[in-house]
N, C-alpha and C. Protein backbone atom coordinates (compact mmCIF):
# COMPACT_ATOMS: atom_id res chain seq x y z
N UNK A 1 12.86 -12.92 9.55
CA UNK A 1 13.38 -13.33 8.44
C UNK A 1 14.51 -14.24 8.45
N UNK A 2 14.89 -14.69 9.59
CA UNK A 2 16.04 -15.69 9.96
C UNK A 2 17.22 -15.17 9.48
N UNK A 3 17.45 -13.76 9.49
CA UNK A 3 18.81 -13.21 9.37
C UNK A 3 18.96 -12.74 7.77
N UNK A 4 18.05 -13.08 6.91
CA UNK A 4 18.07 -12.57 5.58
C UNK A 4 18.17 -11.11 5.46
N UNK A 5 17.35 -10.42 6.29
CA UNK A 5 17.46 -8.95 6.26
C UNK A 5 18.73 -8.35 6.60
N UNK A 6 19.69 -9.07 6.99
CA UNK A 6 20.90 -8.60 7.40
C UNK A 6 22.05 -8.83 6.27
N UNK A 7 21.64 -9.28 5.30
CA UNK A 7 22.49 -9.63 4.21
C UNK A 7 22.25 -8.50 3.07
N UNK A 8 23.20 -8.47 2.11
CA UNK A 8 23.19 -7.63 1.07
C UNK A 8 21.82 -7.85 0.23
N UNK A 9 21.68 -9.08 -0.14
CA UNK A 9 20.31 -9.49 -0.95
C UNK A 9 19.01 -9.06 -0.12
N UNK A 10 19.06 -9.18 1.27
CA UNK A 10 18.01 -8.94 2.01
C UNK A 10 17.76 -7.60 1.99
N UNK A 11 18.69 -6.66 2.09
CA UNK A 11 18.48 -5.26 2.22
C UNK A 11 17.98 -4.72 0.83
N UNK A 12 18.42 -5.34 -0.22
CA UNK A 12 17.84 -4.89 -1.45
C UNK A 12 16.31 -5.23 -1.61
N UNK A 13 16.11 -6.45 -1.09
CA UNK A 13 14.69 -6.90 -1.02
C UNK A 13 13.75 -5.98 -0.21
N UNK A 14 14.30 -5.70 0.96
CA UNK A 14 13.53 -4.72 1.88
C UNK A 14 13.46 -3.47 1.27
N UNK A 15 14.42 -2.87 0.54
CA UNK A 15 14.56 -1.49 0.00
C UNK A 15 13.30 -1.55 -1.27
N UNK A 16 13.40 -2.60 -1.95
CA UNK A 16 12.44 -2.69 -3.02
C UNK A 16 10.99 -2.72 -2.62
N UNK A 17 10.84 -3.68 -1.40
CA UNK A 17 9.41 -3.55 -0.81
C UNK A 17 9.02 -2.08 -0.25
N UNK A 18 10.04 -1.44 0.27
CA UNK A 18 9.79 -0.19 0.81
C UNK A 18 9.33 0.76 -0.25
N UNK A 19 9.80 0.78 -1.51
CA UNK A 19 9.36 1.53 -2.49
C UNK A 19 8.09 1.10 -3.30
N UNK A 20 8.10 -0.14 -3.40
CA UNK A 20 6.97 -0.73 -4.35
C UNK A 20 5.66 -0.91 -3.66
N UNK A 21 5.62 -1.11 -2.48
CA UNK A 21 4.30 -1.39 -1.72
C UNK A 21 3.35 -0.22 -1.83
N UNK A 22 3.94 0.93 -1.39
CA UNK A 22 3.05 2.21 -1.37
C UNK A 22 2.55 2.47 -3.02
N UNK A 23 3.54 2.30 -3.94
CA UNK A 23 3.14 2.54 -5.20
C UNK A 23 2.16 1.55 -5.62
N UNK A 24 2.08 0.43 -5.51
CA UNK A 24 1.10 -0.65 -5.78
C UNK A 24 -0.05 -0.36 -5.14
N UNK A 25 -0.12 0.26 -3.71
CA UNK A 25 -1.34 0.64 -3.10
C UNK A 25 -1.92 1.84 -3.80
N UNK A 26 -1.09 2.78 -4.37
CA UNK A 26 -1.78 3.89 -5.09
C UNK A 26 -2.31 3.33 -6.26
N UNK A 27 -1.97 2.41 -7.10
CA UNK A 27 -2.29 1.87 -8.16
C UNK A 27 -3.76 1.20 -7.92
N UNK A 28 -3.86 0.48 -6.95
CA UNK A 28 -5.06 -0.06 -6.31
C UNK A 28 -6.02 1.05 -5.95
N UNK A 29 -5.73 2.15 -5.37
CA UNK A 29 -6.66 3.03 -4.98
C UNK A 29 -7.19 3.45 -6.23
N UNK A 30 -6.27 3.82 -7.29
CA UNK A 30 -6.86 4.32 -8.51
C UNK A 30 -7.91 3.40 -9.12
N UNK A 31 -7.54 2.09 -9.21
CA UNK A 31 -8.52 1.07 -9.74
C UNK A 31 -9.66 1.00 -9.03
N UNK A 32 -9.74 1.20 -7.83
CA UNK A 32 -10.96 1.03 -6.95
C UNK A 32 -11.79 2.28 -7.10
N UNK A 33 -11.14 3.49 -7.34
CA UNK A 33 -11.84 4.67 -7.68
C UNK A 33 -12.58 4.63 -9.01
N UNK A 34 -11.87 3.95 -9.93
CA UNK A 34 -12.47 3.69 -11.32
C UNK A 34 -13.83 2.79 -11.21
N UNK A 35 -13.47 1.71 -10.62
CA UNK A 35 -14.59 0.90 -10.38
C UNK A 35 -15.84 1.35 -9.44
N UNK A 36 -15.45 2.31 -8.56
CA UNK A 36 -16.58 2.82 -7.68
C UNK A 36 -17.43 3.79 -8.56
N UNK A 37 -16.68 4.53 -9.47
CA UNK A 37 -17.39 5.42 -10.33
C UNK A 37 -18.42 4.59 -11.40
N UNK A 38 -17.98 3.50 -11.72
CA UNK A 38 -18.88 2.54 -12.53
C UNK A 38 -19.91 2.08 -11.77
N UNK A 39 -19.74 1.81 -10.36
CA UNK A 39 -20.89 1.22 -9.59
C UNK A 39 -21.89 2.34 -9.24
N UNK A 40 -21.42 3.62 -9.12
CA UNK A 40 -22.25 4.79 -8.94
C UNK A 40 -23.17 4.97 -9.97
N UNK A 41 -22.60 4.91 -11.26
CA UNK A 41 -23.59 5.01 -12.40
C UNK A 41 -24.67 4.02 -12.41
N UNK A 42 -24.48 2.84 -11.82
CA UNK A 42 -25.46 1.85 -11.66
C UNK A 42 -26.34 1.83 -10.59
N UNK A 43 -26.06 2.77 -9.65
CA UNK A 43 -26.87 3.07 -8.41
C UNK A 43 -26.52 2.22 -7.30
N UNK A 44 -25.33 1.81 -7.16
CA UNK A 44 -24.95 0.85 -5.99
C UNK A 44 -23.95 1.76 -5.23
N UNK A 45 -24.44 2.85 -4.34
CA UNK A 45 -23.52 3.82 -3.80
C UNK A 45 -22.96 2.97 -2.57
N UNK A 46 -23.55 2.19 -1.96
CA UNK A 46 -22.97 1.55 -0.78
C UNK A 46 -21.82 0.76 -1.02
N UNK A 47 -21.84 0.03 -2.20
CA UNK A 47 -20.63 -0.89 -2.64
C UNK A 47 -19.51 0.20 -3.22
N UNK A 48 -19.85 1.14 -3.69
CA UNK A 48 -18.90 1.98 -4.46
C UNK A 48 -17.90 2.70 -3.26
N UNK A 49 -18.33 2.71 -2.00
CA UNK A 49 -17.64 3.36 -1.00
C UNK A 49 -16.74 2.29 -0.44
N UNK A 50 -17.05 1.15 -0.34
CA UNK A 50 -16.34 0.17 0.37
C UNK A 50 -14.89 -0.17 -0.08
N UNK A 51 -14.91 -0.26 -1.62
CA UNK A 51 -13.49 -0.60 -2.15
C UNK A 51 -12.45 0.44 -1.87
N UNK A 52 -12.87 1.74 -2.27
CA UNK A 52 -11.74 2.64 -2.12
C UNK A 52 -11.28 2.96 -0.49
N UNK A 53 -12.33 2.72 0.18
CA UNK A 53 -11.98 2.82 1.72
C UNK A 53 -10.95 1.82 2.06
N UNK A 54 -11.24 0.44 1.79
CA UNK A 54 -10.11 -0.33 2.09
C UNK A 54 -8.84 -0.13 1.47
N UNK A 55 -8.89 0.22 0.28
CA UNK A 55 -7.59 0.50 -0.31
C UNK A 55 -6.77 1.52 0.25
N UNK A 56 -7.53 2.75 0.67
CA UNK A 56 -6.78 3.64 1.35
C UNK A 56 -6.28 3.23 2.76
N UNK A 57 -7.10 2.53 3.49
CA UNK A 57 -6.59 1.87 4.76
C UNK A 57 -5.35 1.08 4.52
N UNK A 58 -5.34 0.27 3.56
CA UNK A 58 -3.93 -0.42 3.19
C UNK A 58 -2.84 0.47 2.93
N UNK A 59 -3.16 1.55 2.18
CA UNK A 59 -2.08 2.57 1.76
C UNK A 59 -1.58 3.17 3.01
N UNK A 60 -2.47 3.65 3.91
CA UNK A 60 -2.04 4.19 5.12
C UNK A 60 -1.16 3.30 5.98
N UNK A 61 -1.57 2.25 6.05
CA UNK A 61 -0.68 1.12 6.80
C UNK A 61 0.56 0.98 6.24
N UNK A 62 0.65 0.83 4.70
CA UNK A 62 2.01 0.71 4.12
C UNK A 62 2.84 1.95 4.35
N UNK A 63 2.33 3.27 4.48
CA UNK A 63 3.09 4.49 4.70
C UNK A 63 3.53 4.43 6.37
N UNK A 64 2.58 4.01 7.11
CA UNK A 64 2.87 4.10 8.57
C UNK A 64 4.25 3.19 8.82
N UNK A 65 4.10 1.93 8.21
CA UNK A 65 5.16 0.92 8.30
C UNK A 65 6.39 1.53 7.72
N UNK A 66 6.45 2.19 6.63
CA UNK A 66 7.58 2.75 5.93
C UNK A 66 8.06 3.83 6.90
N UNK A 67 7.26 4.65 7.50
CA UNK A 67 7.76 5.73 8.47
C UNK A 67 8.24 5.09 9.78
N UNK A 68 7.86 3.97 10.16
CA UNK A 68 8.36 3.28 11.33
C UNK A 68 9.80 2.78 10.96
N UNK A 69 9.87 2.19 9.76
CA UNK A 69 11.24 1.64 9.49
C UNK A 69 12.21 2.84 9.24
N UNK A 70 11.76 3.96 8.83
CA UNK A 70 12.78 5.22 8.67
C UNK A 70 13.07 5.69 10.03
N UNK A 71 12.16 5.45 11.01
CA UNK A 71 12.51 6.17 12.38
C UNK A 71 13.52 5.14 13.05
N UNK A 72 13.64 3.97 12.57
CA UNK A 72 14.44 3.02 13.06
C UNK A 72 15.99 2.97 12.56
N UNK A 73 16.09 3.73 11.46
CA UNK A 73 17.39 3.73 10.78
C UNK A 73 18.55 4.58 11.76
N UNK A 74 19.64 4.09 11.71
CA UNK A 74 20.53 4.81 12.40
C UNK A 74 21.70 5.19 11.33
N UNK A 75 22.16 6.52 11.62
CA UNK A 75 23.20 7.04 10.57
C UNK A 75 24.44 6.54 10.92
């Protein structure tokens, strides 16, 4: 980030991303589950599983990155 992460504004941006990305991924998971329920009613079970799986993988990635960042913090 060319040193932007070492400024006050950069820290605020990183903190916002730290909090917002997992929340947005949770909203995406909820939307995909709703969409997959509609697909199941129409008999398309294979497509119904794909969307929530991808959303959960992105959520797990976001949580893993957040945990990695937390492990790098020095008090």
